[in-house]
Amino acid sequence: ENISDFSLNITDCTQVVVPEEVFFTVAAAGILENLLILIAVVRNKNLHLPMYFFICSLAISDMLGSLYKTLENIFIILCKMGYLTRHGDFEKKLDDAMDSMFILSLLGSIFSLLTIAADRYITIFYALRYHNIMTLRRALVILAIIWAFCAGSSIAIALFSYEAATVIPFTILFPLMMFFILCLYVHMFLLARSHAKKIASLPSSTIHHRTNMKGAITLTIFLGVFLCCWAPFVLHILLAKFCPHNPYCACYMSIFHVNGTLIMCNAIINPMIFAFRSPELRSTFKKMFYCSR
């Protein structure tokens, strides 16, 4: 907020403010939708598969992102009302905790997308060996390692966020991981047709291949939505760190609240994609809503 106040003095761009009612409504919707995903996977034993556990990991990341922005907004409101100060020791620790939550949400989303992409890759190109390669136990171990790494990294980055040596690797990780996932996609789609011809003689291979490609298309949608919702906020972090005094950078930073709202929109859109693309999830939701056995 100090950067936002300073930016108003060096640029003619008016700061865009999202109404609090809209902000909290979007955040609550994102949290509830992703909570429904988690409940659906827990209740339906048919969804106890590595792919859906990776989707749950992404849902948890989305919930953390919405929760972070909600707590941050409450913190700002309390500061304006005089209940909290901006530079107290308690407020500093609270701010570090919220920053850590934000970084955990971002890293969790990136690595969850990476595991989903890897899972789709194995499903398409190693279909006959998939259940031997990606067992449920192995998937849980992978998720445990990922979240342990993300938690440790988020705490370290939040504590040393004022050091350029910390900010630069964090900001480089975002485009690097996206580039790696993109390369995986390109390789996946280029070899999909040739792989389909090799397994064409197997029973139900066409249906199986179409199902796998549908999963790859769903993952592509996830990635596109993730980039559109998170990239503007990551760009804001870079500009705030490396060119806060530039009028053009300050003008972009005036839409800080809009970029934060986009993060929460990601948490709303992803569950809609899950429900729309997965017949099993749609069936589970219907049973949950209509209390049907």
Protein backbone atom coordinates (compact mmCIF):
# COMPACT_ATOMS: atom_id res chain seq x y z
CA GLU A 1 0.00 0.00 0.00
CA ASN A 2 2.95 2.32 0.59
CA ILE A 3 4.06 1.65 -2.97
CA SER A 4 0.55 2.40 -4.21
CA ASP A 5 0.46 5.70 -2.32
CA PHE A 6 3.85 6.63 -3.71
CA SER A 7 2.83 5.71 -7.26
CA LEU A 8 -0.01 8.24 -7.15
CA ASN A 9 2.54 11.02 -6.72
CA ILE A 10 4.56 10.15 -9.84
CA THR A 11 1.82 9.17 -12.27
CA ASP A 12 -1.52 10.52 -13.43
CA CYS A 13 -3.08 7.03 -13.45
CA THR A 14 -5.93 6.71 -10.98
CA GLN A 15 -5.73 3.76 -8.63
CA VAL A 16 -8.44 1.21 -9.44
CA VAL A 17 -10.21 -0.03 -6.32
CA VAL A 18 -12.39 -3.15 -6.28
CA PRO A 19 -15.45 -2.78 -4.00
CA GLU A 20 -15.10 -4.77 -0.81
CA GLU A 21 -18.44 -6.48 -1.38
CA VAL A 22 -17.25 -7.83 -4.75
CA PHE A 23 -13.90 -8.78 -3.27
CA PHE A 24 -15.29 -10.86 -0.41
CA THR A 25 -17.98 -12.44 -2.60
CA VAL A 26 -15.42 -13.66 -5.13
CA ALA A 27 -13.14 -14.93 -2.35
CA ALA A 28 -15.94 -16.81 -0.58
CA ALA A 29 -17.12 -18.39 -3.84
CA GLY A 30 -13.59 -19.58 -4.64
CA ILE A 31 -13.11 -21.14 -1.20
CA LEU A 32 -16.50 -22.88 -1.22
CA GLU A 33 -16.13 -24.26 -4.76
CA ASN A 34 -12.70 -25.77 -4.08
CA LEU A 35 -13.96 -27.13 -0.76
CA LEU A 36 -16.69 -28.93 -2.72
CA ILE A 37 -14.00 -30.50 -4.93
CA LEU A 38 -12.17 -31.82 -1.87
CA ILE A 39 -15.36 -33.18 -0.30
CA ALA A 40 -16.41 -34.85 -3.57
CA VAL A 41 -13.07 -36.65 -3.94
CA VAL A 42 -13.10 -37.79 -0.31
CA ARG A 43 -16.67 -39.11 -0.48
CA ASN A 44 -16.45 -40.91 -3.84
CA LYS A 45 -14.08 -43.89 -3.71
CA ASN A 46 -14.05 -44.02 -7.51
CA LEU A 47 -12.16 -40.71 -7.40
CA HIS A 48 -9.40 -42.08 -5.17
CA LEU A 49 -6.94 -42.00 -8.06
CA PRO A 50 -3.60 -40.17 -8.49
CA MET A 51 -5.08 -37.75 -11.04
CA TYR A 52 -7.82 -36.58 -8.66
CA PHE A 53 -5.39 -36.27 -5.76
CA PHE A 54 -3.28 -33.97 -7.93
CA ILE A 55 -6.45 -32.00 -8.72
CA CYS A 56 -7.11 -31.76 -4.96
CA SER A 57 -3.62 -30.34 -4.54
CA LEU A 58 -4.46 -27.64 -7.08
CA ALA A 59 -7.76 -26.98 -5.28
CA ILE A 60 -5.93 -26.48 -1.96
CA SER A 61 -3.57 -24.02 -3.65
CA ASP A 62 -6.54 -22.07 -5.03
CA MET A 63 -8.16 -21.99 -1.58
CA LEU A 64 -4.96 -20.62 -0.06
CA GLY A 65 -4.83 -17.89 -2.72
CA SER A 66 -8.40 -16.77 -1.98
CA LEU A 67 -7.82 -16.98 1.77
CA TYR A 68 -4.64 -14.92 1.47
CA LYS A 69 -6.35 -12.10 -0.42
CA THR A 70 -9.28 -12.16 2.03
CA LEU A 71 -7.02 -11.89 5.09
CA GLU A 72 -4.94 -9.19 3.42
CA ASN A 73 -8.04 -7.11 2.69
CA ILE A 74 -9.28 -7.54 6.28
CA PHE A 75 -5.83 -6.49 7.51
CA ILE A 76 -5.95 -3.31 5.37
CA ILE A 77 -9.48 -2.49 6.59
CA LEU A 78 -8.42 -2.88 10.24
CA CYS A 79 -5.42 -0.62 9.60
CA LYS A 80 -7.66 2.08 8.11
CA MET A 81 -10.03 1.80 11.08
CA GLY A 82 -7.13 2.26 13.50
CA TYR A 83 -7.26 -1.16 15.15
CA LEU A 84 -3.87 -2.11 13.72
CA THR A 85 -0.77 -0.13 12.77
CA ARG A 86 1.25 -0.67 9.62
CA HIS A 87 4.66 -0.82 11.26
CA GLY A 88 4.12 -2.69 14.55
CA ASP A 89 5.89 -5.91 15.46
CA PHE A 90 2.68 -7.95 15.53
CA GLU A 91 1.57 -6.47 12.21
CA LYS A 92 4.97 -7.23 10.68
CA LYS A 93 4.72 -10.89 11.71
CA LEU A 94 1.13 -11.04 10.44
CA ASP A 95 2.21 -9.54 7.12
CA ASP A 96 5.04 -12.08 6.81
CA ALA A 97 2.58 -14.92 7.53
CA MET A 98 0.22 -13.68 4.79
CA ASP A 99 3.10 -13.25 2.34
CA SER A 100 4.17 -16.81 3.11
CA MET A 101 0.61 -17.99 2.42
CA PHE A 102 0.61 -16.18 -0.93
CA ILE A 103 3.93 -17.71 -1.99
CA LEU A 104 2.76 -21.14 -0.82
CA SER A 105 -0.37 -20.75 -2.95
CA LEU A 106 1.63 -19.74 -6.03
CA LEU A 107 4.26 -22.48 -5.66
CA GLY A 108 1.59 -25.05 -4.84
CA SER A 109 -0.34 -24.13 -7.99
CA ILE A 110 2.75 -24.31 -10.19
CA PHE A 111 3.89 -27.69 -8.90
CA SER A 112 0.34 -29.08 -8.90
CA LEU A 113 0.00 -28.12 -12.57
CA LEU A 114 3.37 -29.74 -13.21
CA THR A 115 2.34 -33.02 -11.54
CA ILE A 116 -0.98 -33.04 -13.44
CA ALA A 117 0.92 -32.47 -16.71
CA ALA A 118 3.34 -35.29 -15.88
CA ASP A 119 0.43 -37.56 -14.96
CA ARG A 120 -1.28 -36.84 -18.31
CA TYR A 121 2.00 -37.48 -20.13
CA ILE A 122 2.42 -40.89 -18.49
CA THR A 123 -1.23 -41.72 -19.15
CA ILE A 124 -0.89 -41.00 -22.87
CA PHE A 125 2.51 -42.46 -23.65
CA TYR A 126 2.76 -45.24 -21.07
CA ALA A 127 -0.91 -46.24 -20.94
CA LEU A 128 -0.29 -49.96 -20.42
CA ARG A 129 2.17 -49.36 -17.58
CA TYR A 130 0.45 -46.35 -16.01
CA HIS A 131 -0.90 -48.16 -12.94
CA ASN A 132 2.54 -49.60 -12.23
CA ILE A 133 4.31 -46.27 -12.69
CA MET A 134 1.85 -43.94 -10.93
CA THR A 135 0.54 -45.81 -7.92
CA LEU A 136 -1.58 -44.11 -5.28
CA ARG A 137 1.18 -44.43 -2.70
CA ARG A 138 3.72 -42.92 -5.06
CA ALA A 139 1.36 -40.03 -5.85
CA LEU A 140 0.91 -39.28 -2.13
CA VAL A 141 4.68 -39.33 -1.60
CA ILE A 142 5.15 -36.92 -4.50
CA LEU A 143 2.54 -34.56 -3.07
CA ALA A 144 4.10 -34.73 0.40
CA ILE A 145 7.52 -33.82 -1.00
CA ILE A 146 6.08 -31.01 -3.11
CA TRP A 147 4.17 -29.40 -0.26
CA ALA A 148 7.08 -29.77 2.15
CA PHE A 149 9.32 -28.01 -0.38
CA CYS A 150 6.72 -25.32 -1.07
CA ALA A 151 6.15 -24.68 2.66
CA GLY A 152 9.88 -24.36 3.36
CA SER A 153 10.42 -22.14 0.32
CA SER A 154 7.47 -19.88 1.16
CA ILE A 155 8.74 -19.29 4.70
CA ALA A 156 12.29 -18.57 3.50
CA ILE A 157 11.16 -16.23 0.73
CA ALA A 158 8.77 -14.35 3.05
CA LEU A 159 11.48 -13.83 5.68
CA PHE A 160 14.07 -12.63 3.16
CA SER A 161 11.74 -10.97 0.65
CA TYR A 162 13.68 -7.69 0.81
CA GLU A 163 16.79 -9.33 -0.60
CA ALA A 164 17.18 -9.25 -4.38
CA ALA A 165 18.90 -12.64 -4.22
CA THR A 166 15.62 -14.05 -2.92
CA VAL A 167 13.20 -12.22 -5.21
CA ILE A 168 15.05 -12.98 -8.46
CA PRO A 169 15.04 -16.82 -8.15
CA PHE A 170 11.37 -16.70 -7.09
CA THR A 171 10.34 -14.64 -10.10
CA ILE A 172 12.48 -16.72 -12.46
CA LEU A 173 10.84 -19.91 -11.20
CA PHE A 174 7.41 -18.83 -12.49
CA PRO A 175 8.31 -18.48 -16.22
CA LEU A 176 10.77 -21.40 -16.00
CA MET A 177 8.15 -23.84 -14.74
CA MET A 178 5.60 -22.53 -17.25
CA PHE A 179 8.13 -23.02 -20.06
CA PHE A 180 8.83 -26.57 -18.91
CA ILE A 181 5.11 -27.42 -18.82
CA LEU A 182 4.69 -25.84 -22.26
CA CYS A 183 7.51 -27.98 -23.67
CA LEU A 184 5.84 -31.04 -22.14
CA TYR A 185 2.60 -30.07 -23.88
CA VAL A 186 4.26 -29.59 -27.26
CA HIS A 187 6.00 -32.95 -26.99
CA MET A 188 2.75 -34.55 -25.82
CA PHE A 189 0.65 -33.33 -28.74
CA LEU A 190 3.31 -33.89 -31.40
CA LEU A 191 3.72 -37.55 -30.47
CA ALA A 192 0.07 -38.23 -29.66
CA ARG A 193 -0.92 -39.19 -33.21
CA SER A 194 2.00 -41.50 -33.81
CA HIS A 195 1.43 -43.14 -30.44
CA ALA A 196 -2.27 -43.59 -31.27
CA LYS A 197 -1.35 -45.51 -34.43
CA LYS A 198 0.86 -47.89 -32.47
CA ILE A 199 -1.92 -48.85 -30.05
CA ALA A 200 -4.73 -48.76 -32.62
CA SER A 201 -4.81 -52.55 -32.82
CA LEU A 202 -5.51 -52.93 -29.09
CA PRO A 203 -9.11 -53.35 -27.80
CA SER A 204 -10.79 -50.06 -26.79
CA SER A 205 -7.59 -48.19 -27.68
CA THR A 206 -9.46 -45.48 -29.57
CA ILE A 207 -11.75 -44.73 -26.63
CA HIS A 208 -8.85 -44.83 -24.19
CA HIS A 209 -6.80 -42.50 -26.35
CA ARG A 210 -9.66 -40.04 -26.71
CA THR A 211 -10.10 -40.03 -22.93
CA ASN A 212 -6.41 -39.32 -22.42
CA MET A 213 -6.42 -36.52 -24.98
CA LYS A 214 -9.48 -35.05 -23.30
CA GLY A 215 -7.46 -34.95 -20.08
CA ALA A 216 -4.61 -33.22 -21.90
CA ILE A 217 -7.01 -30.62 -23.32
CA THR A 218 -8.43 -30.02 -19.84
CA LEU A 219 -4.92 -29.47 -18.52
CA THR A 220 -4.27 -27.00 -21.34
CA ILE A 221 -7.31 -25.02 -20.21
CA PHE A 222 -6.01 -25.08 -16.62
CA LEU A 223 -2.65 -23.71 -17.73
CA GLY A 224 -4.19 -20.94 -19.83
CA VAL A 225 -6.47 -19.82 -16.99
CA PHE A 226 -3.57 -19.97 -14.51
CA LEU A 227 -1.36 -17.74 -16.69
CA CYS A 228 -4.12 -15.19 -17.29
CA CYS A 229 -4.94 -14.96 -13.57
CA TRP A 230 -1.49 -15.11 -11.95
CA ALA A 231 0.87 -13.50 -14.48
CA PRO A 232 -0.41 -9.92 -13.91
CA PHE A 233 0.20 -10.22 -10.15
CA VAL A 234 3.67 -11.70 -10.61
CA LEU A 235 4.47 -8.83 -13.00
CA HIS A 236 3.30 -6.42 -10.31
CA ILE A 237 5.78 -7.96 -7.84
CA LEU A 238 8.62 -7.56 -10.34
CA LEU A 239 7.78 -3.94 -11.11
CA ALA A 240 7.35 -3.05 -7.43
CA LYS A 241 10.80 -4.48 -6.69
CA PHE A 242 12.86 -3.26 -9.63
CA CYS A 243 11.23 -0.07 -10.96
CA PRO A 244 8.88 1.45 -8.35
CA HIS A 245 9.92 5.02 -9.29
CA ASN A 246 9.18 4.64 -13.00
CA PRO A 247 5.89 6.39 -13.96
CA TYR A 248 4.94 3.59 -16.37
CA CYS A 249 5.56 0.93 -13.73
CA ALA A 250 3.62 2.99 -11.18
CA CYS A 251 0.75 3.29 -13.64
CA TYR A 252 0.57 -0.49 -13.96
CA MET A 253 0.75 -0.91 -10.19
CA SER A 254 -2.35 1.27 -9.86
CA ILE A 255 -4.44 -1.79 -10.86
CA PHE A 256 -3.09 -3.81 -7.93
CA HIS A 257 -6.59 -4.64 -6.62
CA VAL A 258 -7.69 -5.88 -10.05
CA ASN A 259 -4.69 -8.22 -10.25
CA GLY A 260 -5.49 -9.55 -6.79
CA THR A 261 -9.09 -10.18 -7.80
CA LEU A 262 -7.87 -12.16 -10.83
CA ILE A 263 -6.10 -14.58 -8.48
CA MET A 264 -9.38 -15.28 -6.72
CA CYS A 265 -11.16 -15.64 -10.08
CA ASN A 266 -8.73 -18.46 -10.84
CA ALA A 267 -10.02 -20.25 -7.74
CA ILE A 268 -13.57 -19.93 -9.08
CA ILE A 269 -12.85 -20.96 -12.68
CA ASN A 270 -10.83 -24.11 -11.95
CA PRO A 271 -13.63 -25.99 -10.11
CA MET A 272 -16.00 -25.09 -12.96
CA ILE A 273 -13.56 -26.71 -15.38
CA PHE A 274 -13.37 -29.80 -13.16
CA ALA A 275 -17.16 -30.12 -13.02
CA PHE A 276 -17.62 -29.47 -16.73
CA ARG A 277 -14.90 -31.83 -17.98
CA SER A 278 -15.27 -34.73 -15.51
CA PRO A 279 -18.47 -36.85 -15.70
CA GLU A 280 -17.52 -38.61 -12.45
CA LEU A 281 -17.27 -35.31 -10.58
CA ARG A 282 -20.56 -34.11 -12.06
CA SER A 283 -22.26 -37.29 -10.87
CA THR A 284 -20.75 -36.88 -7.39
CA PHE A 285 -21.91 -33.26 -7.18
CA LYS A 286 -25.47 -34.28 -8.12
CA LYS A 287 -25.51 -36.90 -5.39
CA MET A 288 -24.17 -34.38 -2.89
CA PHE A 289 -26.72 -31.70 -3.79
CA TYR A 290 -29.74 -33.99 -4.02
CA CYS A 291 -28.73 -36.17 -1.05
CA SER A 292 -29.11 -39.26 -3.23
CA ARG A 293 -27.67 -42.66 -2.35
